[in-house]
Amino acid sequence: MFTVGRELDRLRAREERLGRILAQLADLCDHVLIDCPPALDVLTDNALSAADGVLIPVQAEDSSLRALRLLLGQIAAIEGELRREPLVLHGLVVSMLERGGGGVARSKLGRSVIEQFRELDLPILGTVPRSVLHVEAWRLGKTMVEYEPGGEHAQVYRALAKVLEASE
């Protein structure tokens, strides 16, 4: 993706390239999920320009709070400059959560960051606990729903899919 970003930097209307490609696939797909690297670069700008909505993965860490604020600023800039309609901000997904008893964040820091997420005007749509299961599923080339269909991770992902489906 690094080389794609460098190549896009040389083109005109670079922030709209992905949108033009996806428009050609509109009859083939009901939904397209665009997974962006954690960077505010031309690839993210393309995704934000092409998307209808945003689901934001975060971690219960201070760095995620800072990155989230930067991303929200980037979304506002893209909406002001490149979009006709605002993006739907579906909400946050707290991933890789180290949990303790009762399913809450184990550390004070984690609990504090989650509380700060709750103070934002974005719902927390789900929490995904830290687990080796993701690595195992990836290694086998399977989704979490395929790898452990009855597991907690698969349940979270199904719930997220329902939220996104209902927002049409």
Protein backbone atom coordinates (compact mmCIF):
# COMPACT_ATOMS: atom_id res chain seq x y z
CA MET A 1 0.00 0.00 0.00
CA PHE A 2 2.99 2.27 0.52
CA THR A 3 3.70 2.29 -3.21
CA VAL A 4 0.02 2.90 -4.02
CA GLY A 5 0.03 5.96 -1.77
CA ARG A 6 3.18 7.27 -3.43
CA GLU A 7 1.68 6.71 -6.87
CA LEU A 8 -1.58 8.45 -5.93
CA ASP A 9 0.36 11.49 -4.72
CA ARG A 10 1.40 12.10 -8.34
CA LEU A 11 -2.12 12.06 -9.79
CA ARG A 12 -4.81 14.72 -10.16
CA ALA A 13 -8.03 14.24 -8.20
CA ARG A 14 -6.17 11.60 -6.21
CA GLU A 15 -8.65 11.66 -3.33
CA GLU A 16 -11.45 10.51 -5.66
CA ARG A 17 -9.79 7.52 -7.32
CA LEU A 18 -11.26 4.84 -5.04
CA GLY A 19 -14.74 6.32 -5.36
CA ARG A 20 -14.58 6.03 -9.14
CA ILE A 21 -13.50 2.40 -8.92
CA LEU A 22 -16.22 1.52 -6.41
CA ALA A 23 -18.87 3.24 -8.53
CA GLN A 24 -18.12 0.70 -11.27
CA LEU A 25 -18.85 -2.14 -8.80
CA ALA A 26 -22.13 -0.73 -7.48
CA ASP A 27 -24.27 -3.34 -9.25
CA LEU A 28 -22.11 -6.21 -8.00
CA CYS A 29 -21.96 -5.45 -4.26
CA ASP A 30 -24.45 -4.54 -1.59
CA HIS A 31 -21.73 -3.33 0.78
CA VAL A 32 -18.00 -2.72 0.60
CA LEU A 33 -15.93 -2.55 3.76
CA ILE A 34 -12.78 -0.47 3.34
CA ASP A 35 -10.09 -1.27 5.89
CA CYS A 36 -7.59 1.58 6.09
CA PRO A 37 -4.14 1.58 7.60
CA PRO A 38 -3.84 3.68 10.76
CA ALA A 39 -2.58 6.76 8.93
CA LEU A 40 -4.06 10.03 7.77
CA ASP A 41 -2.73 9.91 4.25
CA VAL A 42 -4.03 9.86 0.69
CA LEU A 43 -5.33 6.29 1.12
CA THR A 44 -7.48 7.34 4.07
CA ASP A 45 -8.63 10.43 2.16
CA ASN A 46 -9.70 8.15 -0.71
CA ALA A 47 -11.66 5.91 1.63
CA LEU A 48 -13.34 8.86 3.37
CA SER A 49 -14.23 10.38 0.01
CA ALA A 50 -15.70 7.12 -1.32
CA ALA A 51 -17.48 5.85 1.80
CA ASP A 52 -21.01 6.46 2.99
CA GLY A 53 -20.14 5.82 6.63
CA VAL A 54 -17.30 5.25 9.05
CA LEU A 55 -16.80 2.61 11.72
CA ILE A 56 -13.75 3.52 13.78
CA PRO A 57 -11.63 0.87 15.51
CA VAL A 58 -9.85 2.17 18.60
CA GLN A 59 -7.83 0.74 21.47
CA ALA A 60 -8.29 1.68 25.11
CA GLU A 61 -5.08 3.72 25.06
CA ASP A 62 -4.26 7.42 25.17
CA SER A 63 -2.75 7.21 21.68
CA SER A 64 -6.16 6.17 20.32
CA LEU A 65 -7.77 9.23 21.88
CA ARG A 66 -5.27 11.51 20.15
CA ALA A 67 -5.55 9.61 16.86
CA LEU A 68 -9.36 9.72 17.04
CA ARG A 69 -9.33 13.49 17.44
CA LEU A 70 -7.03 13.78 14.41
CA LEU A 71 -9.26 11.45 12.38
CA LEU A 72 -12.40 13.43 13.26
CA GLY A 73 -10.61 16.57 12.08
CA GLN A 74 -9.65 14.81 8.86
CA ILE A 75 -13.26 13.72 8.34
CA ALA A 76 -14.44 17.30 8.82
CA ALA A 77 -11.87 18.53 6.28
CA ILE A 78 -12.86 15.88 3.71
CA GLU A 79 -16.55 16.68 4.22
CA GLY A 80 -15.85 20.37 3.71
CA GLU A 81 -13.71 19.97 0.63
CA LEU A 82 -14.58 16.76 -1.20
CA ARG A 83 -18.01 15.48 -0.23
CA ARG A 84 -21.53 16.51 -1.11
CA GLU A 85 -23.04 14.82 1.95
CA PRO A 86 -21.62 14.23 5.43
CA LEU A 87 -20.35 10.79 6.36
CA VAL A 88 -22.41 8.70 8.73
CA LEU A 89 -20.27 8.19 11.83
CA HIS A 90 -21.56 4.82 12.98
CA GLY A 91 -19.42 4.66 16.10
CA LEU A 92 -16.40 3.12 17.74
CA VAL A 93 -15.25 -0.46 18.16
CA VAL A 94 -12.83 -0.93 21.04
CA SER A 95 -10.46 -3.68 19.93
CA MET A 96 -7.74 -5.68 21.67
CA LEU A 97 -9.26 -4.88 25.05
CA GLU A 98 -7.44 -6.38 28.01
CA ARG A 99 -10.33 -7.34 30.23
CA GLY A 100 -10.58 -8.25 33.86
CA GLY A 101 -13.48 -9.46 35.96
CA GLY A 102 -16.94 -8.59 34.75
CA GLY A 103 -15.70 -8.00 31.21
CA VAL A 104 -14.49 -4.45 31.92
CA ALA A 105 -11.08 -3.08 31.03
CA ARG A 106 -8.45 -4.54 33.33
CA SER A 107 -6.37 -1.39 33.82
CA LYS A 108 -7.30 1.99 35.22
CA LEU A 109 -5.93 3.52 32.04
CA GLY A 110 -8.20 1.35 29.89
CA ARG A 111 -11.26 2.20 31.97
CA SER A 112 -10.36 5.90 31.86
CA VAL A 113 -9.92 5.95 28.09
CA ILE A 114 -13.20 4.11 27.54
CA GLU A 115 -14.92 6.67 29.75
CA GLN A 116 -13.44 9.44 27.60
CA PHE A 117 -14.67 7.65 24.47
CA ARG A 118 -18.16 7.60 26.00
CA GLU A 119 -18.02 11.39 26.46
CA LEU A 120 -17.67 11.85 22.71
CA ASP A 121 -20.72 12.06 20.53
CA LEU A 122 -20.02 8.59 19.11
CA PRO A 123 -21.46 5.35 20.44
CA ILE A 124 -19.26 2.41 21.37
CA LEU A 125 -20.78 -0.32 19.21
CA GLY A 126 -18.77 -3.19 20.61
CA THR A 127 -15.66 -4.31 22.41
CA VAL A 128 -13.40 -7.04 21.11
CA PRO A 129 -11.22 -8.68 23.76
CA ARG A 130 -7.53 -9.31 23.15
CA SER A 131 -7.09 -12.90 22.09
CA VAL A 132 -4.85 -15.22 20.15
CA LEU A 133 -7.94 -16.34 18.21
CA HIS A 134 -7.56 -13.54 15.66
CA VAL A 135 -4.03 -14.65 14.85
CA GLU A 136 -5.08 -18.30 14.62
CA ALA A 137 -8.00 -17.47 12.30
CA TRP A 138 -5.80 -15.26 10.11
CA ARG A 139 -3.17 -17.99 9.89
CA LEU A 140 -5.78 -20.42 8.60
CA GLY A 141 -7.23 -17.87 6.19
CA LYS A 142 -10.58 -17.79 7.98
CA THR A 143 -12.78 -15.06 9.36
CA MET A 144 -13.56 -15.12 13.08
CA VAL A 145 -17.13 -16.14 12.24
CA GLU A 146 -15.81 -19.15 10.31
CA TYR A 147 -13.08 -20.01 12.82
CA GLU A 148 -15.13 -19.84 16.00
CA PRO A 149 -18.77 -19.26 14.99
CA GLY A 150 -20.19 -19.48 18.49
CA GLY A 151 -17.48 -17.43 20.16
CA GLU A 152 -17.66 -13.98 21.67
CA HIS A 153 -15.60 -12.40 18.88
CA ALA A 154 -17.93 -13.71 16.19
CA GLN A 155 -20.92 -12.42 18.16
CA VAL A 156 -19.41 -8.92 18.31
CA TYR A 157 -18.74 -8.93 14.56
CA ARG A 158 -22.26 -10.15 13.78
CA ALA A 159 -23.71 -7.38 15.96
CA LEU A 160 -21.58 -4.80 14.14
CA ALA A 161 -22.77 -6.12 10.77
CA LYS A 162 -26.38 -5.72 11.92
CA VAL A 163 -25.75 -2.12 12.97
CA LEU A 164 -24.24 -1.32 9.59
CA GLU A 165 -26.99 -3.15 7.72
CA ALA A 166 -29.69 -1.28 9.65
CA SER A 167 -28.17 2.09 8.84
CA GLU A 168 -28.94 1.88 5.11
